[in-house]
PDB file of N, CA and C in Angstrom:
ATOM      1  N   MET A   1       0.846  -1.162   0.000  1.00  0.00           N
ATOM      2  CA  MET A   1       0.000   0.000   0.000  1.00  0.00           C
ATOM      3  C   MET A   1       0.898   1.233   0.000  1.00  0.00           C
ATOM      4  N   VAL A   2       0.549   2.214  -0.832  1.00  0.00           N
ATOM      5  CA  VAL A   2       1.287   3.471  -0.932  1.00  0.00           C
ATOM      6  C   VAL A   2       0.275   4.606  -0.868  1.00  0.00           C
ATOM      7  N   ASP A   3       0.563   5.621  -0.052  1.00  0.00           N
ATOM      8  CA  ASP A   3      -0.303   6.791   0.070  1.00  0.00           C
ATOM      9  C   ASP A   3       0.442   8.010  -0.451  1.00  0.00           C
ATOM     10  N   LEU A   4      -0.103   8.655  -1.480  1.00  0.00           N
ATOM     11  CA  LEU A   4       0.471   9.853  -2.077  1.00  0.00           C
ATOM     12  C   LEU A   4      -0.601  10.927  -2.168  1.00  0.00           C
ATOM     13  N   PHE A   5      -0.188  12.154  -2.450  1.00  0.00           N
ATOM     14  CA  PHE A   5      -1.183  13.178  -2.736  1.00  0.00           C
ATOM     15  C   PHE A   5      -1.298  13.334  -4.243  1.00  0.00           C
ATOM     16  N   ASP A   6      -2.502  13.587  -4.712  1.00  0.00           N
ATOM     17  CA  ASP A   6      -2.728  13.851  -6.124  1.00  0.00           C
ATOM     18  C   ASP A   6      -2.569  15.362  -6.307  1.00  0.00           C
ATOM     19  N   PRO A   7      -1.574  15.793  -7.081  1.00  0.00           N
ATOM     20  CA  PRO A   7      -1.240  17.220  -7.135  1.00  0.00           C
ATOM     21  C   PRO A   7      -2.327  18.086  -7.771  1.00  0.00           C
ATOM     22  N   ARG A   8      -2.549  19.236  -7.167  1.00  0.00           N
ATOM     23  CA  ARG A   8      -3.431  20.253  -7.740  1.00  0.00           C
ATOM     24  C   ARG A   8      -2.539  21.190  -8.546  1.00  0.00           C
ATOM     25  N   LEU A   9      -2.811  21.305  -9.816  1.00  0.00           N
ATOM     26  CA  LEU A   9      -1.929  22.028 -10.727  1.00  0.00           C
ATOM     27  C   LEU A   9      -1.747  23.500 -10.366  1.00  0.00           C
ATOM     28  N   GLU A  10      -2.730  24.127  -9.746  1.00  0.00           N
ATOM     29  CA  GLU A  10      -2.578  25.540  -9.361  1.00  0.00           C
ATOM     30  C   GLU A  10      -1.504  25.741  -8.295  1.00  0.00           C
ATOM     31  N   TYR A  11      -1.097  24.649  -7.625  1.00  0.00           N
ATOM     32  CA  TYR A  11      -0.039  24.729  -6.620  1.00  0.00           C
ATOM     33  C   TYR A  11       1.307  24.209  -7.142  1.00  0.00           C
ATOM     34  N   CYS A  12       1.376  23.891  -8.430  1.00  0.00           N
ATOM     35  CA  CYS A  12       2.583  23.278  -8.987  1.00  0.00           C
ATOM     36  C   CYS A  12       3.338  24.185  -9.952  1.00  0.00           C
ATOM     37  N   GLY A  13       2.943  25.426 -10.078  1.00  0.00           N
ATOM     38  CA  GLY A  13       3.620  26.347 -10.987  1.00  0.00           C
ATOM     39  C   GLY A  13       5.017  26.677 -10.504  1.00  0.00           C
ATOM     40  N   PRO A  14       5.836  27.233 -11.389  1.00  0.00           N
ATOM     41  CA  PRO A  14       7.226  27.542 -11.003  1.00  0.00           C
ATOM     42  C   PRO A  14       7.302  28.684  -9.998  1.00  0.00           C
ATOM     43  N   GLY A  15       8.360  28.657  -9.193  1.00  0.00           N
ATOM     44  CA  GLY A  15       8.641  29.755  -8.271  1.00  0.00           C
ATOM     45  C   GLY A  15       8.056  29.566  -6.892  1.00  0.00           C
ATOM     46  N   ARG A  16       7.978  30.683  -6.178  1.00  0.00           N
ATOM     47  CA  ARG A  16       7.509  30.682  -4.786  1.00  0.00           C
ATOM     48  C   ARG A  16       5.998  30.801  -4.712  1.00  0.00           C
ATOM     49  N   MET A  17       5.442  30.164  -3.696  1.00  0.00           N
ATOM     50  CA  MET A  17       4.003  30.222  -3.454  1.00  0.00           C
ATOM     51  C   MET A  17       3.754  30.937  -2.128  1.00  0.00           C
ATOM     52  N   LYS A  18       2.559  31.499  -1.983  1.00  0.00           N
ATOM     53  CA  LYS A  18       2.176  32.166  -0.737  1.00  0.00           C
ATOM     54  C   LYS A  18       2.016  31.132   0.374  1.00  0.00           C
ATOM     55  N   PRO A  19       2.310  31.526   1.627  1.00  0.00           N
ATOM     56  CA  PRO A  19       2.105  30.590   2.750  1.00  0.00           C
ATOM     57  C   PRO A  19       0.631  30.224   2.893  1.00  0.00           C
ATOM     58  N   ILE A  20       0.398  29.021   3.370  1.00  0.00           N
ATOM     59  CA  ILE A  20      -0.955  28.556   3.657  1.00  0.00           C
ATOM     60  C   ILE A  20      -1.224  28.818   5.131  1.00  0.00           C
ATOM     61  N   ARG A  21      -2.440  29.225   5.461  1.00  0.00           N
ATOM     62  CA  ARG A  21      -2.752  29.568   6.853  1.00  0.00           C
ATOM     63  C   ARG A  21      -2.536  28.369   7.770  1.00  0.00           C
ATOM     64  N   PRO A  22      -2.174  28.633   9.026  1.00  0.00           N
ATOM     65  CA  PRO A  22      -1.938  27.522   9.975  1.00  0.00           C
ATOM     66  C   PRO A  22      -3.190  26.662  10.115  1.00  0.00           C
ATOM     67  N   ARG A  23      -2.978  25.372  10.350  1.00  0.00           N
ATOM     68  CA  ARG A  23      -4.113  24.491  10.567  1.00  0.00           C
ATOM     69  C   ARG A  23      -3.760  23.436  11.602  1.00  0.00           C
ATOM     70  N   ARG A  24      -4.761  23.059  12.388  1.00  0.00           N
ATOM     71  CA  ARG A  24      -4.573  22.013  13.381  1.00  0.00           C
ATOM     72  C   ARG A  24      -4.534  20.683  12.673  1.00  0.00           C
ATOM     73  N   VAL A  25      -3.541  19.883  12.992  1.00  0.00           N
ATOM     74  CA  VAL A  25      -3.428  18.575  12.350  1.00  0.00           C
ATOM     75  C   VAL A  25      -3.659  17.427  13.325  1.00  0.00           C
ATOM     76  N   ALA A  26      -3.576  17.707  14.612  1.00  0.00           N
ATOM     77  CA  ALA A  26      -3.790  16.643  15.598  1.00  0.00           C
ATOM     78  C   ALA A  26      -4.284  17.246  16.899  1.00  0.00           C
ATOM     79  N   PHE A  27      -5.121  16.498  17.598  1.00  0.00           N
ATOM     80  CA  PHE A  27      -5.653  16.936  18.889  1.00  0.00           C
ATOM     81  C   PHE A  27      -5.743  15.723  19.790  1.00  0.00           C
ATOM     82  N   ASP A  28      -5.245  15.867  21.023  1.00  0.00           N
ATOM     83  CA  ASP A  28      -5.312  14.796  22.011  1.00  0.00           C
ATOM     84  C   ASP A  28      -6.382  15.161  23.034  1.00  0.00           C
ATOM     85  N   PRO A  29      -7.559  14.532  22.991  1.00  0.00           N
ATOM     86  CA  PRO A  29      -8.637  14.890  23.923  1.00  0.00           C
ATOM     87  C   PRO A  29      -8.287  14.612  25.385  1.00  0.00           C
ATOM     88  N   ALA A  30      -7.404  13.657  25.637  1.00  0.00           N
ATOM     89  CA  ALA A  30      -7.034  13.321  27.021  1.00  0.00           C
ATOM     90  C   ALA A  30      -6.235  14.442  27.672  1.00  0.00           C
ATOM     91  N   THR A  31      -5.315  15.052  26.918  1.00  0.00           N
ATOM     92  CA  THR A  31      -4.467  16.106  27.484  1.00  0.00           C
ATOM     93  C   THR A  31      -4.913  17.502  27.069  1.00  0.00           C
ATOM     94  N   GLY A  32      -5.727  17.589  26.009  1.00  0.00           N
ATOM     95  CA  GLY A  32      -6.145  18.891  25.499  1.00  0.00           C
ATOM     96  C   GLY A  32      -5.093  19.541  24.622  1.00  0.00           C
ATOM     97  N   ARG A  33      -4.011  18.843  24.375  1.00  0.00           N
ATOM     98  CA  ARG A  33      -2.942  19.406  23.539  1.00  0.00           C
ATOM     99  C   ARG A  33      -3.323  19.348  22.064  1.00  0.00           C
ATOM    100  N   SER A  34      -2.867  20.336  21.319  1.00  0.00           N
ATOM    101  CA  SER A  34      -3.089  20.335  19.877  1.00  0.00           C
ATOM    102  C   SER A  34      -1.778  20.626  19.175  1.00  0.00           C
ATOM    103  N   LEU A  35      -1.657  20.078  17.992  1.00  0.00           N
ATOM    104  CA  LEU A  35      -0.492  20.303  17.153  1.00  0.00           C
ATOM    105  C   LEU A  35      -0.963  21.089  15.942  1.00  0.00           C
ATOM    106  N   VAL A  36      -0.324  22.223  15.710  1.00  0.00           N
ATOM    107  CA  VAL A  36      -0.658  23.091  14.590  1.00  0.00           C
ATOM    108  C   VAL A  36       0.560  23.153  13.685  1.00  0.00           C
ATOM    109  N   VAL A  37       0.321  23.104  12.360  1.00  0.00           N
ATOM    110  CA  VAL A  37       1.420  23.225  11.406  1.00  0.00           C
ATOM    111  C   VAL A  37       1.165  24.443  10.521  1.00  0.00           C
ATOM    112  N   GLN A  38       2.235  25.177  10.271  1.00  0.00           N
ATOM    113  CA  GLN A  38       2.173  26.288   9.335  1.00  0.00           C
ATOM    114  C   GLN A  38       3.250  26.066   8.287  1.00  0.00           C
ATOM    115  N   THR A  39       2.866  26.214   7.030  1.00  0.00           N
ATOM    116  CA  THR A  39       3.823  26.026   5.951  1.00  0.00           C
ATOM    117  C   THR A  39       4.125  27.373   5.316  1.00  0.00           C
ATOM    118  N   GLY A  40       5.321  27.500   4.780  1.00  0.00           N
ATOM    119  CA  GLY A  40       5.681  28.752   4.132  1.00  0.00           C
ATOM    120  C   GLY A  40       6.941  28.611   3.307  1.00  0.00           C
ATOM    121  N   GLY A  41       7.151  29.564   2.445  1.00  0.00           N
ATOM    122  CA  GLY A  41       8.363  29.581   1.642  1.00  0.00           C
ATOM    123  C   GLY A  41       8.420  28.477   0.613  1.00  0.00           C
ATOM    124  N   LYS A  42       7.267  28.040   0.123  1.00  0.00           N
ATOM    125  CA  LYS A  42       7.248  26.938  -0.838  1.00  0.00           C
ATOM    126  C   LYS A  42       7.896  27.374  -2.147  1.00  0.00           C
ATOM    127  N   LEU A  43       8.805  26.539  -2.631  1.00  0.00           N
ATOM    128  CA  LEU A  43       9.495  26.786  -3.892  1.00  0.00           C
ATOM    129  C   LEU A  43       9.298  25.566  -4.788  1.00  0.00           C
ATOM    130  N   ASN A  44       8.617  25.773  -5.911  1.00  0.00           N
ATOM    131  CA  ASN A  44       8.300  24.683  -6.843  1.00  0.00           C
ATOM    132  C   ASN A  44       9.306  24.606  -7.976  1.00  0.00           C
ATOM    133  N   ASP A  45       9.533  23.380  -8.438  1.00  0.00           N
ATOM    134  CA  ASP A  45      10.302  23.140  -9.651  1.00  0.00           C
ATOM    135  C   ASP A  45       9.489  22.171 -10.515  1.00  0.00           C
ATOM    136  N   PRO A  46       8.671  22.693 -11.430  1.00  0.00           N
ATOM    137  CA  PRO A  46       7.809  21.818 -12.239  1.00  0.00           C
ATOM    138  C   PRO A  46       8.581  20.847 -13.132  1.00  0.00           C
ATOM    139  N   VAL A  47       9.800  21.180 -13.506  1.00  0.00           N
ATOM    140  CA  VAL A  47      10.581  20.298 -14.375  1.00  0.00           C
ATOM    141  C   VAL A  47      10.898  18.985 -13.673  1.00  0.00           C
ATOM    142  N   THR A  48      11.271  19.055 -12.397  1.00  0.00           N
ATOM    143  CA  THR A  48      11.584  17.845 -11.636  1.00  0.00           C
ATOM    144  C   THR A  48      10.392  17.348 -10.817  1.00  0.00           C
ATOM    145  N   GLN A  49       9.249  18.056 -10.924  1.00  0.00           N
ATOM    146  CA  GLN A  49       8.047  17.741 -10.160  1.00  0.00           C
ATOM    147  C   GLN A  49       8.343  17.696  -8.657  1.00  0.00           C
ATOM    148  N   THR A  50       9.104  18.675  -8.183  1.00  0.00           N
ATOM    149  CA  THR A  50       9.452  18.718  -6.764  1.00  0.00           C
ATOM    150  C   THR A  50       9.136  20.087  -6.189  1.00  0.00           C
ATOM    151  N   PHE A  51       9.016  20.107  -4.875  1.00  0.00           N
ATOM    152  CA  PHE A  51       8.944  21.382  -4.162  1.00  0.00           C
ATOM    153  C   PHE A  51       9.624  21.214  -2.819  1.00  0.00           C
ATOM    154  N   ARG A  52       9.987  22.343  -2.259  1.00  0.00           N
ATOM    155  CA  ARG A  52      10.498  22.345  -0.885  1.00  0.00           C
ATOM    156  C   ARG A  52       9.833  23.511  -0.179  1.00  0.00           C
ATOM    157  N   GLU A  53       9.613  23.331   1.100  1.00  0.00           N
ATOM    158  CA  GLU A  53       9.002  24.388   1.904  1.00  0.00           C
ATOM    159  C   GLU A  53       9.327  24.169   3.370  1.00  0.00           C
ATOM    160  N   ARG A  54       9.172  25.211   4.146  1.00  0.00           N
ATOM    161  CA  ARG A  54       9.426  25.173   5.578  1.00  0.00           C
ATOM    162  C   ARG A  54       8.127  24.853   6.293  1.00  0.00           C
ATOM    163  N   TRP A  55       8.155  23.824   7.161  1.00  0.00           N
ATOM    164  CA  TRP A  55       7.017  23.472   7.993  1.00  0.00           C
ATOM    165  C   TRP A  55       7.383  23.808   9.435  1.00  0.00           C
ATOM    166  N   THR A  56       6.532  24.567  10.089  1.00  0.00           N
ATOM    167  CA  THR A  56       6.739  24.904  11.493  1.00  0.00           C
ATOM    168  C   THR A  56       5.597  24.304  12.304  1.00  0.00           C
ATOM    169  N   PHE A  57       5.956  23.582  13.359  1.00  0.00           N
ATOM    170  CA  PHE A  57       4.998  22.882  14.204  1.00  0.00           C
ATOM    171  C   PHE A  57       4.895  23.581  15.552  1.00  0.00           C
ATOM    172  N   TYR A  58       3.666  23.770  16.018  1.00  0.00           N
ATOM    173  CA  TYR A  58       3.404  24.407  17.302  1.00  0.00           C
ATOM    174  C   TYR A  58       2.591  23.439  18.152  1.00  0.00           C
ATOM    175  N   LEU A  59       3.140  23.038  19.291  1.00  0.00           N
ATOM    176  CA  LEU A  59       2.423  22.197  20.236  1.00  0.00           C
ATOM    177  C   LEU A  59       1.854  23.118  21.308  1.00  0.00           C
ATOM    178  N   ARG A  60       0.541  23.087  21.486  1.00  0.00           N
ATOM    179  CA  ARG A  60      -0.125  23.988  22.430  1.00  0.00           C
ATOM    180  C   ARG A  60      -0.923  23.196  23.469  1.00  0.00           C
ATOM    181  N   ASP A  61      -1.021  23.774  24.664  1.00  0.00           N
ATOM    182  CA  ASP A  61      -1.811  23.126  25.711  1.00  0.00           C
ATOM    183  C   ASP A  61      -3.283  23.475  25.531  1.00  0.00           C
ATOM    184  N   ARG A  62      -4.107  22.975  26.453  1.00  0.00           N
ATOM    185  CA  ARG A  62      -5.558  23.155  26.378  1.00  0.00           C
ATOM    186  C   ARG A  62      -5.948  24.635  26.294  1.00  0.00           C
ATOM    187  N   GLY A  63      -5.197  25.500  26.949  1.00  0.00           N
ATOM    188  CA  GLY A  63      -5.495  26.930  26.943  1.00  0.00           C
ATOM    189  C   GLY A  63      -4.894  27.681  25.770  1.00  0.00           C
ATOM    190  N   GLY A  64      -4.175  26.994  24.901  1.00  0.00           N
ATOM    191  CA  GLY A  64      -3.578  27.639  23.741  1.00  0.00           C
ATOM    192  C   GLY A  64      -2.156  28.127  23.962  1.00  0.00           C
ATOM    193  N   ARG A  65      -1.592  27.869  25.175  1.00  0.00           N
ATOM    194  CA  ARG A  65      -0.222  28.293  25.462  1.00  0.00           C
ATOM    195  C   ARG A  65       0.764  27.423  24.704  1.00  0.00           C
ATOM    196  N   LEU A  66       1.769  28.059  24.114  1.00  0.00           N
ATOM    197  CA  LEU A  66       2.776  27.350  23.334  1.00  0.00           C
ATOM    198  C   LEU A  66       3.669  26.522  24.255  1.00  0.00           C
ATOM    199  N   LEU A  67       3.752  25.213  23.993  1.00  0.00           N
ATOM    200  CA  LEU A  67       4.598  24.318  24.768  1.00  0.00           C
ATOM    201  C   LEU A  67       5.912  24.028  24.041  1.00  0.00           C
ATOM    202  N   GLU A  68       5.832  23.923  22.738  1.00  0.00           N
ATOM    203  CA  GLU A  68       7.019  23.569  21.960  1.00  0.00           C
ATOM    204  C   GLU A  68       6.840  24.062  20.533  1.00  0.00           C
ATOM    205  N   LYS A  69       7.945  24.464  19.926  1.00  0.00           N
ATOM    206  CA  LYS A  69       7.952  24.895  18.526  1.00  0.00           C
ATOM    207  C   LYS A  69       9.148  24.254  17.846  1.00  0.00           C
ATOM    208  N   SER A  70       8.930  23.706  16.656  1.00  0.00           N
ATOM    209  CA  SER A  70      10.039  23.151  15.876  1.00  0.00           C
ATOM    210  C   SER A  70       9.732  23.362  14.399  1.00  0.00           C
ATOM    211  N   SER A  71      10.774  23.344  13.599  1.00  0.00           N
ATOM    212  CA  SER A  71      10.558  23.507  12.165  1.00  0.00           C
ATOM    213  C   SER A  71      11.567  22.679  11.390  1.00  0.00           C
ATOM    214  N   CYS A  72      11.233  22.428  10.143  1.00  0.00           N
ATOM    215  CA  CYS A  72      12.110  21.663   9.263  1.00  0.00           C
ATOM    216  C   CYS A  72      11.789  22.034   7.817  1.00  0.00           C
ATOM    217  N   GLU A  73      12.721  21.731   6.934  1.00  0.00           N
ATOM    218  CA  GLU A  73      12.458  21.905   5.514  1.00  0.00           C
ATOM    219  C   GLU A  73      12.010  20.566   4.962  1.00  0.00           C
ATOM    220  N   VAL A  74      10.919  20.591   4.230  1.00  0.00           N
ATOM    221  CA  VAL A  74      10.354  19.390   3.636  1.00  0.00           C
ATOM    222  C   VAL A  74      10.577  19.459   2.133  1.00  0.00           C
ATOM    223  N   ARG A  75      11.036  18.364   1.561  1.00  0.00           N
ATOM    224  CA  ARG A  75      11.207  18.255   0.113  1.00  0.00           C
ATOM    225  C   ARG A  75      10.373  17.078  -0.366  1.00  0.00           C
ATOM    226  N   LEU A  76       9.504  17.348  -1.313  1.00  0.00           N
ATOM    227  CA  LEU A  76       8.609  16.313  -1.819  1.00  0.00           C
ATOM    228  C   LEU A  76       8.577  16.335  -3.339  1.00  0.00           C
ATOM    229  N   ARG A  77       8.216  15.201  -3.897  1.00  0.00           N
ATOM    230  CA  ARG A  77       8.012  15.092  -5.338  1.00  0.00           C
ATOM    231  C   ARG A  77       6.564  14.702  -5.557  1.00  0.00           C
ATOM    232  N   TRP A  78       5.914  15.385  -6.482  1.00  0.00           N
ATOM    233  CA  TRP A  78       4.551  14.994  -6.792  1.00  0.00           C
ATOM    234  C   TRP A  78       4.554  14.017  -7.961  1.00  0.00           C
ATOM    235  N   THR A  79       3.576  13.113  -7.917  1.00  0.00           N
ATOM    236  CA  THR A  79       3.476  12.049  -8.907  1.00  0.00           C
ATOM    237  C   THR A  79       2.027  11.954  -9.357  1.00  0.00           C
ATOM    238  N   TYR A  80       1.821  11.941 -10.643  1.00  0.00           N
ATOM    239  CA  TYR A  80       0.477  11.812 -11.194  1.00  0.00           C
ATOM    240  C   TYR A  80       0.048  10.349 -11.166  1.00  0.00           C
ATOM    241  N   ARG A  81      -1.271  10.118 -11.155  1.00  0.00           N
ATOM    242  CA  ARG A  81      -1.781   8.744 -11.048  1.00  0.00           C
ATOM    243  C   ARG A  81      -1.258   7.843 -12.160  1.00  0.00           C
ATOM    244  N   TRP A  82      -1.337   8.281 -13.394  1.00  0.00           N
ATOM    245  CA  TRP A  82      -0.877   7.441 -14.515  1.00  0.00           C
ATOM    246  C   TRP A  82       0.613   7.145 -14.376  1.00  0.00           C
ATOM    247  N   GLU A  83       1.365   8.135 -13.855  1.00  0.00           N
ATOM    248  CA  GLU A  83       2.810   7.947 -13.664  1.00  0.00           C
ATOM    249  C   GLU A  83       3.076   6.926 -12.555  1.00  0.00           C
ATOM    250  N   MET A  84       2.312   7.012 -11.471  1.00  0.00           N
ATOM    251  CA  MET A  84       2.510   6.078 -10.364  1.00  0.00           C
ATOM    252  C   MET A  84       2.195   4.653 -10.792  1.00  0.00           C
ATOM    253  N   ARG A  85       1.139   4.474 -11.563  1.00  0.00           N
ATOM    254  CA  ARG A  85       0.808   3.131 -12.073  1.00  0.00           C
ATOM    255  C   ARG A  85       1.989   2.578 -12.875  1.00  0.00           C
ATOM    256  N   HIS A  86       2.533   3.403 -13.748  1.00  0.00           N
ATOM    257  CA  HIS A  86       3.666   2.992 -14.583  1.00  0.00           C
ATOM    258  C   HIS A  86       4.886   2.646 -13.720  1.00  0.00           C
ATOM    259  N   LEU A  87       5.179   3.474 -12.712  1.00  0.00           N
ATOM    260  CA  LEU A  87       6.332   3.217 -11.836  1.00  0.00           C
ATOM    261  C   LEU A  87       6.164   1.920 -11.060  1.00  0.00           C
ATOM    262  N   LEU A  88       4.955   1.673 -10.559  1.00  0.00           N
ATOM    263  CA  LEU A  88       4.712   0.411  -9.850  1.00  0.00           C
ATOM    264  C   LEU A  88       4.970  -0.775 -10.773  1.00  0.00           C
ATOM    265  N   GLU A  89       4.467  -0.692 -11.987  1.00  0.00           N
ATOM    266  CA  GLU A  89       4.663  -1.790 -12.940  1.00  0.00           C
ATOM    267  C   GLU A  89       6.132  -1.970 -13.302  1.00  0.00           C
ATOM    268  N   LEU A  90       6.857  -0.867 -13.487  1.00  0.00           N
ATOM    269  CA  LEU A  90       8.288  -0.952 -13.793  1.00  0.00           C
ATOM    270  C   LEU A  90       9.080  -1.623 -12.670  1.00  0.00           C
ATOM    271  N   CYS A  91       8.602  -1.467 -11.437  1.00  0.00           N
ATOM    272  CA  CYS A  91       9.303  -2.042 -10.279  1.00  0.00           C
ATOM    273  C   CYS A  91       8.830  -3.462  -9.957  1.00  0.00           C
ATOM    274  N   GLY A  92       8.016  -4.036 -10.816  1.00  0.00           N
ATOM    275  CA  GLY A  92       7.611  -5.424 -10.615  1.00  0.00           C
ATOM    276  C   GLY A  92       6.355  -5.609  -9.790  1.00  0.00           C
ATOM    277  N   PHE A  93       5.578  -4.558  -9.606  1.00  0.00           N
ATOM    278  CA  PHE A  93       4.321  -4.669  -8.867  1.00  0.00           C
ATOM    279  C   PHE A  93       3.156  -4.696  -9.838  1.00  0.00           C
ATOM    280  N   ARG A  94       2.059  -5.267  -9.380  1.00  0.00           N
ATOM    281  CA  ARG A  94       0.822  -5.243 -10.150  1.00  0.00           C
ATOM    282  C   ARG A  94      -0.180  -4.402  -9.375  1.00  0.00           C
ATOM    283  N   PRO A  95      -0.522  -3.214  -9.892  1.00  0.00           N
ATOM    284  CA  PRO A  95      -1.505  -2.374  -9.197  1.00  0.00           C
ATOM    285  C   PRO A  95      -2.862  -3.077  -9.137  1.00  0.00           C
ATOM    286  N   LEU A  96      -3.428  -3.161  -7.945  1.00  0.00           N
ATOM    287  CA  LEU A  96      -4.733  -3.780  -7.765  1.00  0.00           C
ATOM    288  C   LEU A  96      -5.841  -2.742  -7.705  1.00  0.00           C
ATOM    289  N   ALA A  97      -5.530  -1.585  -7.095  1.00  0.00           N
ATOM    290  CA  ALA A  97      -6.537  -0.536  -6.962  1.00  0.00           C
ATOM    291  C   ALA A  97      -5.863   0.789  -6.634  1.00  0.00           C
ATOM    292  N   CYS A  98      -6.546   1.859  -6.990  1.00  0.00           N
ATOM    293  CA  CYS A  98      -6.146   3.201  -6.584  1.00  0.00           C
ATOM    294  C   CYS A  98      -7.400   3.898  -6.073  1.00  0.00           C
ATOM    295  N   TYR A  99      -7.346   4.381  -4.841  1.00  0.00           N
ATOM    296  CA  TYR A  99      -8.475   5.054  -4.219  1.00  0.00           C
ATOM    297  C   TYR A  99      -8.144   6.527  -3.976  1.00  0.00           C
ATOM    298  N   GLY A 100      -9.183   7.314  -3.771  1.00  0.00           N
ATOM    299  CA  GLY A 100      -9.008   8.738  -3.499  1.00  0.00           C
ATOM    300  C   GLY A 100      -8.931   9.058  -2.020  1.00  0.00           C
ATOM    301  N   ASP A 101      -9.096   8.039  -1.174  1.00  0.00           N
ATOM    302  CA  ASP A 101      -9.008   8.220   0.281  1.00  0.00           C
ATOM    303  C   ASP A 101      -8.920   6.842   0.937  1.00  0.00           C
ATOM    304  N   PHE A 102      -8.829   6.824   2.261  1.00  0.00           N
ATOM    305  CA  PHE A 102      -8.710   5.550   2.975  1.00  0.00           C
ATOM    306  C   PHE A 102     -10.065   4.877   3.202  1.00  0.00           C
ATOM    307  N   LEU A 103     -11.136   5.496   2.713  1.00  0.00           N
ATOM    308  CA  LEU A 103     -12.454   4.872   2.782  1.00  0.00           C
ATOM    309  C   LEU A 103     -12.807   4.210   1.459  1.00  0.00           C
ATOM    310  N   MET A 104     -11.802   4.047   0.594  1.00  0.00           N
ATOM    311  CA  MET A 104     -11.924   3.407  -0.710  1.00  0.00           C
ATOM    312  C   MET A 104     -12.813   4.202  -1.660  1.00  0.00           C
ATOM    313  N   GLY A 105     -12.792   5.544  -1.507  1.00  0.00           N
ATOM    314  CA  GLY A 105     -13.510   6.400  -2.448  1.00  0.00           C
ATOM    315  C   GLY A 105     -12.798   6.397  -3.787  1.00  0.00           C
ATOM    316  N   PRO A 106     -13.491   6.803  -4.837  1.00  0.00           N
ATOM    317  CA  PRO A 106     -12.882   6.787  -6.171  1.00  0.00           C
ATOM    318  C   PRO A 106     -11.758   7.809  -6.281  1.00  0.00           C
ATOM    319  N   PRO A 107     -10.769   7.544  -7.122  1.00  0.00           N
ATOM    320  CA  PRO A 107      -9.711   8.523  -7.335  1.00  0.00           C
ATOM    321  C   PRO A 107     -10.320   9.818  -7.870  1.00  0.00           C
ATOM    322  N   ALA A 108      -9.763  10.934  -7.445  1.00  0.00           N
ATOM    323  CA  ALA A 108     -10.277  12.223  -7.903  1.00  0.00           C
ATOM    324  C   ALA A 108      -9.153  13.252  -7.868  1.00  0.00           C
ATOM    325  N   TYR A 109      -9.235  14.181  -8.759  1.00  0.00           N
ATOM    326  CA  TYR A 109      -8.252  15.246  -8.869  1.00  0.00           C
ATOM    327  C   TYR A 109      -8.101  15.976  -7.529  1.00  0.00           C
ATOM    328  N   GLY A 110      -6.845  16.139  -7.104  1.00  0.00           N
ATOM    329  CA  GLY A 110      -6.552  16.913  -5.911  1.00  0.00           C
ATOM    330  C   GLY A 110      -6.779  16.195  -4.592  1.00  0.00           C
ATOM    331  N   ARG A 111      -7.117  14.941  -4.604  1.00  0.00           N
ATOM    332  CA  ARG A 111      -7.306  14.183  -3.359  1.00  0.00           C
ATOM    333  C   ARG A 111      -6.069  13.337  -3.110  1.00  0.00           C
ATOM    334  N   GLU A 112      -6.227  12.254  -2.411  1.00  0.00           N
ATOM    335  CA  GLU A 112      -5.106  11.354  -2.164  1.00  0.00           C
ATOM    336  C   GLU A 112      -5.043  10.297  -3.259  1.00  0.00           C
ATOM    337  N   GLN A 113      -3.901   9.651  -3.330  1.00  0.00           N
ATOM    338  CA  GLN A 113      -3.750   8.444  -4.138  1.00  0.00           C
ATOM    339  C   GLN A 113      -3.380   7.341  -3.160  1.00  0.00           C
ATOM    340  N   VAL A 114      -4.286   6.453  -2.910  1.00  0.00           N
ATOM    341  CA  VAL A 114      -4.025   5.320  -2.025  1.00  0.00           C
ATOM    342  C   VAL A 114      -3.948   4.085  -2.926  1.00  0.00           C
ATOM    343  N   TRP A 115      -2.728   3.634  -3.159  1.00  0.00           N
ATOM    344  CA  TRP A 115      -2.495   2.502  -4.071  1.00  0.00           C
ATOM    345  C   TRP A 115      -2.404   1.198  -3.298  1.00  0.00           C
ATOM    346  N   VAL A 116      -3.004   0.173  -3.865  1.00  0.00           N
ATOM    347  CA  VAL A 116      -2.865  -1.190  -3.365  1.00  0.00           C
ATOM    348  C   VAL A 116      -2.238  -1.991  -4.511  1.00  0.00           C
ATOM    349  N   ALA A 117      -1.121  -2.644  -4.226  1.00  0.00           N
ATOM    350  CA  ALA A 117      -0.411  -3.390  -5.264  1.00  0.00           C
ATOM    351  C   ALA A 117       0.159  -4.670  -4.675  1.00  0.00           C
ATOM    352  N   GLU A 118       0.463  -5.608  -5.559  1.00  0.00           N
ATOM    353  CA  GLU A 118       1.108  -6.844  -5.131  1.00  0.00           C
ATOM    354  C   GLU A 118       2.295  -7.120  -6.021  1.00  0.00           C
ATOM    355  N   THR A 119       3.203  -7.935  -5.519  1.00  0.00           N
ATOM    356  CA  THR A 119       4.357  -8.300  -6.348  1.00  0.00           C
ATOM    357  C   THR A 119       3.897  -9.310  -7.378  1.00  0.00           C
ATOM    358  N   ARG A 120       4.574  -9.317  -8.511  1.00  0.00           N
ATOM    359  CA  ARG A 120       4.221 -10.266  -9.584  1.00  0.00           C
ATOM    360  C   ARG A 120       4.862 -11.609  -9.323  1.00  0.00           C
TER     361      ARG A 120
END
């Protein structure tokens, strides 16, 4: 099983992109802590189908007080569905299914690519 994002072309143009507003990505109801991520400084290279950007993580307590902050540079490559199918086959796998989410929804532009494959 492989989980990828299906690229939205408006975010894949050359050069720098505007930061995306912070969003909560995880919440622990037992402790009330939340993890917020903010991305910024995205730099795209459409020729290599790659981008890099700075991700900053904020861990906050139940009252919103900052407990910890960390950041890193993330480098990713986007892959189109037809390309991923071809790559799986080139590597000796047989694609069984591609879904648009983990609930086995149909593949769709701009959603996830959840591939299920087996070795030949």
